[in-house]
C-alpha atoms as a PDB file:
ATOM      1  CA  MET A   1     -10.047 -21.047   9.907  1.00  0.00           C
ATOM      2  CA  SER A   2      -9.292 -17.444   9.008  1.00  0.00           C
ATOM      3  CA  ALA A   3      -5.919 -16.319   7.683  1.00  0.00           C
ATOM      4  CA  VAL A   4      -5.304 -14.515  10.978  1.00  0.00           C
ATOM      5  CA  GLU A   5      -6.072 -17.635  12.994  1.00  0.00           C
ATOM      6  CA  SER A   6      -3.694 -19.717  10.909  1.00  0.00           C
ATOM      7  CA  VAL A   7      -0.897 -17.153  11.372  1.00  0.00           C
ATOM      8  CA  LEU A   8      -1.510 -17.016  15.125  1.00  0.00           C
ATOM      9  CA  LYS A   9      -1.556 -20.805  15.296  1.00  0.00           C
ATOM     10  CA  LYS A  10       2.079 -20.736  14.085  1.00  0.00           C
ATOM     11  CA  HIS A  11       2.952 -18.538  17.090  1.00  0.00           C
ATOM     12  CA  PRO A  12       1.638 -20.329  20.185  1.00  0.00           C
ATOM     13  CA  GLY A  13       2.563 -18.608  23.427  1.00  0.00           C
ATOM     14  CA  ALA A  14       4.088 -15.685  21.511  1.00  0.00           C
ATOM     15  CA  GLY A  15       4.807 -12.441  23.296  1.00  0.00           C
ATOM     16  CA  ARG A  16       5.358  -8.814  22.335  1.00  0.00           C
ATOM     17  CA  ASP A  17       8.563  -9.700  20.500  1.00  0.00           C
ATOM     18  CA  ALA A  18       6.492 -11.571  17.889  1.00  0.00           C
ATOM     19  CA  LEU A  19       4.205  -8.613  17.120  1.00  0.00           C
ATOM     20  CA  ILE A  20       5.960  -7.296  14.015  1.00  0.00           C
ATOM     21  CA  PRO A  21       6.491 -10.708  12.390  1.00  0.00           C
ATOM     22  CA  ILE A  22       2.838 -11.569  13.074  1.00  0.00           C
ATOM     23  CA  LEU A  23       1.657  -8.255  11.593  1.00  0.00           C
ATOM     24  CA  GLN A  24       3.841  -8.885   8.532  1.00  0.00           C
ATOM     25  CA  GLU A  25       2.482 -12.403   8.049  1.00  0.00           C
ATOM     26  CA  VAL A  26      -1.130 -11.317   8.441  1.00  0.00           C
ATOM     27  CA  GLN A  27      -0.648  -8.483   5.969  1.00  0.00           C
ATOM     28  CA  GLU A  28       1.072 -10.846   3.539  1.00  0.00           C
ATOM     29  CA  ASP A  29      -1.901 -13.234   3.716  1.00  0.00           C
ATOM     30  CA  GLU A  30      -4.737 -10.693   3.870  1.00  0.00           C
ATOM     31  CA  GLY A  31      -3.198  -7.798   1.947  1.00  0.00           C
ATOM     32  CA  TYR A  32      -3.707  -5.370   4.828  1.00  0.00           C
ATOM     33  CA  LEU A  33      -4.352  -5.175   8.567  1.00  0.00           C
ATOM     34  CA  SER A  34      -8.071  -5.018   9.314  1.00  0.00           C
ATOM     35  CA  ARG A  35      -9.531  -3.862  12.632  1.00  0.00           C
ATOM     36  CA  GLU A  36     -10.680  -7.402  13.234  1.00  0.00           C
ATOM     37  CA  ALA A  37      -7.201  -8.800  12.598  1.00  0.00           C
ATOM     38  CA  ILE A  38      -5.606  -6.314  14.978  1.00  0.00           C
ATOM     39  CA  ALA A  39      -8.158  -7.145  17.679  1.00  0.00           C
ATOM     40  CA  GLU A  40      -7.494 -10.870  17.235  1.00  0.00           C
ATOM     41  CA  ILE A  41      -3.721 -10.338  17.379  1.00  0.00           C
ATOM     42  CA  GLY A  42      -4.170  -8.236  20.511  1.00  0.00           C
ATOM     43  CA  LYS A  43      -6.119 -10.998  22.244  1.00  0.00           C
ATOM     44  CA  HIS A  44      -3.551 -13.603  21.246  1.00  0.00           C
ATOM     45  CA  LEU A  45      -0.579 -11.567  22.447  1.00  0.00           C
ATOM     46  CA  GLY A  46      -2.270  -9.879  25.398  1.00  0.00           C
ATOM     47  CA  ILE A  47      -1.535  -6.433  23.958  1.00  0.00           C
ATOM     48  CA  PRO A  48      -4.104  -3.607  23.784  1.00  0.00           C
ATOM     49  CA  THR A  49      -5.156  -2.765  20.229  1.00  0.00           C
ATOM     50  CA  ALA A  50      -4.065   0.855  20.751  1.00  0.00           C
ATOM     51  CA  LYS A  51      -0.496  -0.350  21.349  1.00  0.00           C
ATOM     52  CA  ILE A  52      -0.631  -2.495  18.211  1.00  0.00           C
ATOM     53  CA  TYR A  53      -1.840   0.473  16.165  1.00  0.00           C
ATOM     54  CA  GLY A  54       0.969   2.536  17.684  1.00  0.00           C
ATOM     55  CA  VAL A  55       3.560   0.038  16.481  1.00  0.00           C
ATOM     56  CA  ALA A  56       1.939  -0.582  13.089  1.00  0.00           C
ATOM     57  CA  THR A  57       1.519   3.118  12.256  1.00  0.00           C
ATOM     58  CA  PHE A  58       5.169   3.775  13.125  1.00  0.00           C
ATOM     59  CA  TYR A  59       6.304   1.563  10.224  1.00  0.00           C
ATOM     60  CA  ASN A  60       5.208   2.569   6.740  1.00  0.00           C
ATOM     61  CA  GLN A  61       5.229  -1.066   5.574  1.00  0.00           C
ATOM     62  CA  PHE A  62       1.833  -1.670   7.153  1.00  0.00           C
ATOM     63  CA  ARG A  63      -1.444  -0.699   5.515  1.00  0.00           C
ATOM     64  CA  PHE A  64      -4.908  -0.552   7.024  1.00  0.00           C
ATOM     65  CA  GLN A  65      -6.895  -0.698   3.810  1.00  0.00           C
ATOM     66  CA  PRO A  66      -6.778  -3.379   1.131  1.00  0.00           C
ATOM     67  CA  LYS A  67      -4.856  -2.619  -2.043  1.00  0.00           C
ATOM     68  CA  GLY A  68      -6.865  -1.817  -5.109  1.00  0.00           C
ATOM     69  CA  LYS A  69      -6.850  -4.019  -8.178  1.00  0.00           C
ATOM     70  CA  TYR A  70      -4.562  -1.351  -9.636  1.00  0.00           C
ATOM     71  CA  HIS A  71      -2.041  -0.403  -6.958  1.00  0.00           C
ATOM     72  CA  PHE A  72      -0.027   2.689  -7.856  1.00  0.00           C
ATOM     73  CA  MET A  73       3.218   3.359  -5.988  1.00  0.00           C
ATOM     74  CA  VAL A  74       4.882   6.699  -6.633  1.00  0.00           C
ATOM     75  CA  CYS A  75       8.538   7.090  -5.676  1.00  0.00           C
ATOM     76  CA  ARG A  76       9.380  10.243  -3.744  1.00  0.00           C
ATOM     77  CA  GLY A  77      13.087   9.583  -3.284  1.00  0.00           C
ATOM     78  CA  THR A  78      15.581  12.370  -3.877  1.00  0.00           C
ATOM     79  CA  ALA A  79      16.298  11.610  -7.550  1.00  0.00           C
ATOM     80  CA  CYS A  80      12.603  11.200  -8.345  1.00  0.00           C
ATOM     81  CA  HIS A  81      11.749  14.366  -6.425  1.00  0.00           C
ATOM     82  CA  VAL A  82      14.333  16.365  -8.368  1.00  0.00           C
ATOM     83  CA  LYS A  83      12.939  14.987 -11.638  1.00  0.00           C
ATOM     84  CA  GLY A  84       9.331  15.933 -10.810  1.00  0.00           C
ATOM     85  CA  SER A  85       7.677  13.088  -8.922  1.00  0.00           C
ATOM     86  CA  ASN A  86       5.709  15.676  -6.936  1.00  0.00           C
ATOM     87  CA  ARG A  87       3.792  16.534 -10.143  1.00  0.00           C
ATOM     88  CA  VAL A  88       3.256  12.817 -10.815  1.00  0.00           C
ATOM     89  CA  LEU A  89       1.883  12.334  -7.297  1.00  0.00           C
ATOM     90  CA  GLU A  90      -0.397  15.385  -7.576  1.00  0.00           C
ATOM     91  CA  THR A  91      -1.712  14.045 -10.890  1.00  0.00           C
ATOM     92  CA  ALA A  92      -2.328  10.608  -9.364  1.00  0.00           C
ATOM     93  CA  GLU A  93      -4.223  12.165  -6.457  1.00  0.00           C
ATOM     94  CA  LYS A  94      -6.368  14.262  -8.798  1.00  0.00           C
ATOM     95  CA  GLU A  95      -7.054  11.558 -11.383  1.00  0.00           C
ATOM     96  CA  LEU A  96      -7.730   8.787  -8.860  1.00  0.00           C
ATOM     97  CA  GLY A  97      -9.452  10.986  -6.282  1.00  0.00           C
ATOM     98  CA  LEU A  98      -7.232   9.459  -3.587  1.00  0.00           C
ATOM     99  CA  LYS A  99      -4.608  10.509  -1.094  1.00  0.00           C
ATOM    100  CA  PRO A 100      -1.604   8.259  -0.441  1.00  0.00           C
ATOM    101  CA  GLY A 101      -2.628   5.264   1.650  1.00  0.00           C
ATOM    102  CA  GLN A 102      -6.190   5.265   0.347  1.00  0.00           C
ATOM    103  CA  THR A 103      -8.131   2.763  -1.737  1.00  0.00           C
ATOM    104  CA  SER A 104     -11.140   3.652  -3.877  1.00  0.00           C
ATOM    105  CA  ARG A 105     -14.507   2.458  -2.571  1.00  0.00           C
ATOM    106  CA  ASP A 106     -14.828   0.037  -5.460  1.00  0.00           C
ATOM    107  CA  ARG A 107     -11.343  -1.297  -4.602  1.00  0.00           C
ATOM    108  CA  LEU A 108     -10.244  -0.657  -8.155  1.00  0.00           C
ATOM    109  CA  PHE A 109      -7.449   1.810  -7.355  1.00  0.00           C
ATOM    110  CA  SER A 110      -5.074   2.419  -4.478  1.00  0.00           C
ATOM    111  CA  LEU A 111      -2.251   4.911  -4.101  1.00  0.00           C
ATOM    112  CA  GLU A 112       0.935   4.636  -2.094  1.00  0.00           C
ATOM    113  CA  VAL A 113       4.020   6.801  -1.730  1.00  0.00           C
ATOM    114  CA  VAL A 114       7.358   5.091  -1.213  1.00  0.00           C
ATOM    115  CA  ALA A 115      10.649   6.625  -0.118  1.00  0.00           C
ATOM    116  CA  CYS A 116      12.795   4.993  -2.823  1.00  0.00           C
ATOM    117  CA  MET A 117      12.382   2.223  -5.379  1.00  0.00           C
ATOM    118  CA  GLY A 118      16.081   1.955  -6.123  1.00  0.00           C
ATOM    119  CA  ALA A 119      15.701   2.894  -9.777  1.00  0.00           C
ATOM    120  CA  CYS A 120      17.120   6.401  -9.469  1.00  0.00           C
ATOM    121  CA  GLY A 121      18.594   6.452 -12.970  1.00  0.00           C
ATOM    122  CA  LEU A 122      15.098   6.034 -14.403  1.00  0.00           C
ATOM    123  CA  SER A 123      13.471   8.781 -12.333  1.00  0.00           C
ATOM    124  CA  PRO A 124      10.787   9.683 -11.798  1.00  0.00           C
ATOM    125  CA  VAL A 125       9.636   6.114 -11.272  1.00  0.00           C
ATOM    126  CA  MET A 126       6.229   4.624 -10.593  1.00  0.00           C
ATOM    127  CA  ASN A 127       5.175   1.044  -9.978  1.00  0.00           C
ATOM    128  CA  LEU A 128       1.799  -0.373 -10.946  1.00  0.00           C
ATOM    129  CA  ASN A 129       1.121  -3.885  -9.642  1.00  0.00           C
ATOM    130  CA  GLY A 130       4.810  -4.763  -9.720  1.00  0.00           C
ATOM    131  CA  GLU A 131       5.531  -3.258 -13.137  1.00  0.00           C
ATOM    132  CA  PHE A 132       7.965  -0.330 -13.149  1.00  0.00           C
ATOM    133  CA  TYR A 133       7.415   2.744 -15.288  1.00  0.00           C
ATOM    134  CA  ALA A 134      10.430   4.959 -15.970  1.00  0.00           C
ATOM    135  CA  LYS A 135      10.588   8.710 -16.602  1.00  0.00           C
ATOM    136  CA  VAL A 136       6.910   9.105 -15.723  1.00  0.00           C
ATOM    137  CA  THR A 137       5.296  12.407 -16.590  1.00  0.00           C
ATOM    138  CA  PRO A 138       1.833  13.563 -15.518  1.00  0.00           C
ATOM    139  CA  GLN A 139       0.646  12.996 -19.100  1.00  0.00           C
ATOM    140  CA  LYS A 140       2.046   9.457 -19.165  1.00  0.00           C
ATOM    141  CA  LEU A 141       0.343   8.712 -15.840  1.00  0.00           C
ATOM    142  CA  VAL A 142      -3.040   9.978 -17.084  1.00  0.00           C
ATOM    143  CA  LYS A 143      -2.705   7.629 -20.073  1.00  0.00           C
ATOM    144  CA  ILE A 144      -1.879   4.668 -17.798  1.00  0.00           C
ATOM    145  CA  ILE A 145      -4.893   5.404 -15.569  1.00  0.00           C
ATOM    146  CA  GLN A 146      -7.165   5.720 -18.632  1.00  0.00           C
ATOM    147  CA  GLU A 147      -5.925   2.348 -19.902  1.00  0.00           C
ATOM    148  CA  CYS A 148      -6.779   0.765 -16.533  1.00  0.00           C
ATOM    149  CA  ARG A 149     -10.264   2.274 -16.641  1.00  0.00           C
ATOM    150  CA  GLU A 150     -10.807   1.151 -20.227  1.00  0.00           C
ATOM    151  CA  THR A 151      -9.748  -2.377 -19.277  1.00  0.00           C
ATOM    152  CA  GLU A 152     -12.488  -2.279 -16.640  1.00  0.00           C
ATOM    153  CA  GLY A 153     -15.037  -1.027 -19.160  1.00  0.00           C
ATOM    154  CA  GLY A 154     -15.020   2.558 -17.888  1.00  0.00           C
ATOM    155  CA  ASP A 155     -15.114   5.727 -19.918  1.00  0.00           C
ATOM    156  CA  GLY A 156     -11.585   6.778 -19.069  1.00  0.00           C
ATOM    157  CA  ARG A 157     -12.729   9.028 -16.216  1.00  0.00           C
END
């Protein structure tokens, strides 16, 4: 039984009102919402997949690609913005070759922008796989990315 099937099994006879909780559970189990998962959810709830995508894309909590092994989240809240998180984000995009919401083909890296991490006094802030980094500069970010690549046996690029 797939993860999607086991989530849907917990919601027999569910209607439209169960869509968001089901999407959240599937993403929690699978790490993202695949096309197949959305189609299966649509069949179960009797909702066209286009409507499900409409709901899921409205909320920034949902992702449509799996996270990378190294998942970078860059805060773009007001305090972080004022302290230069735009430069951190630009550096992440350049170094990783990704735009926010994307995952590298090898699923090693993914990049996400969040509105606020609630660590404004430490701005700009970045999170890598649940670990917070305070007062991140572009240079500090490049070093972190190089360390990830070296861990994977890469050449730092």
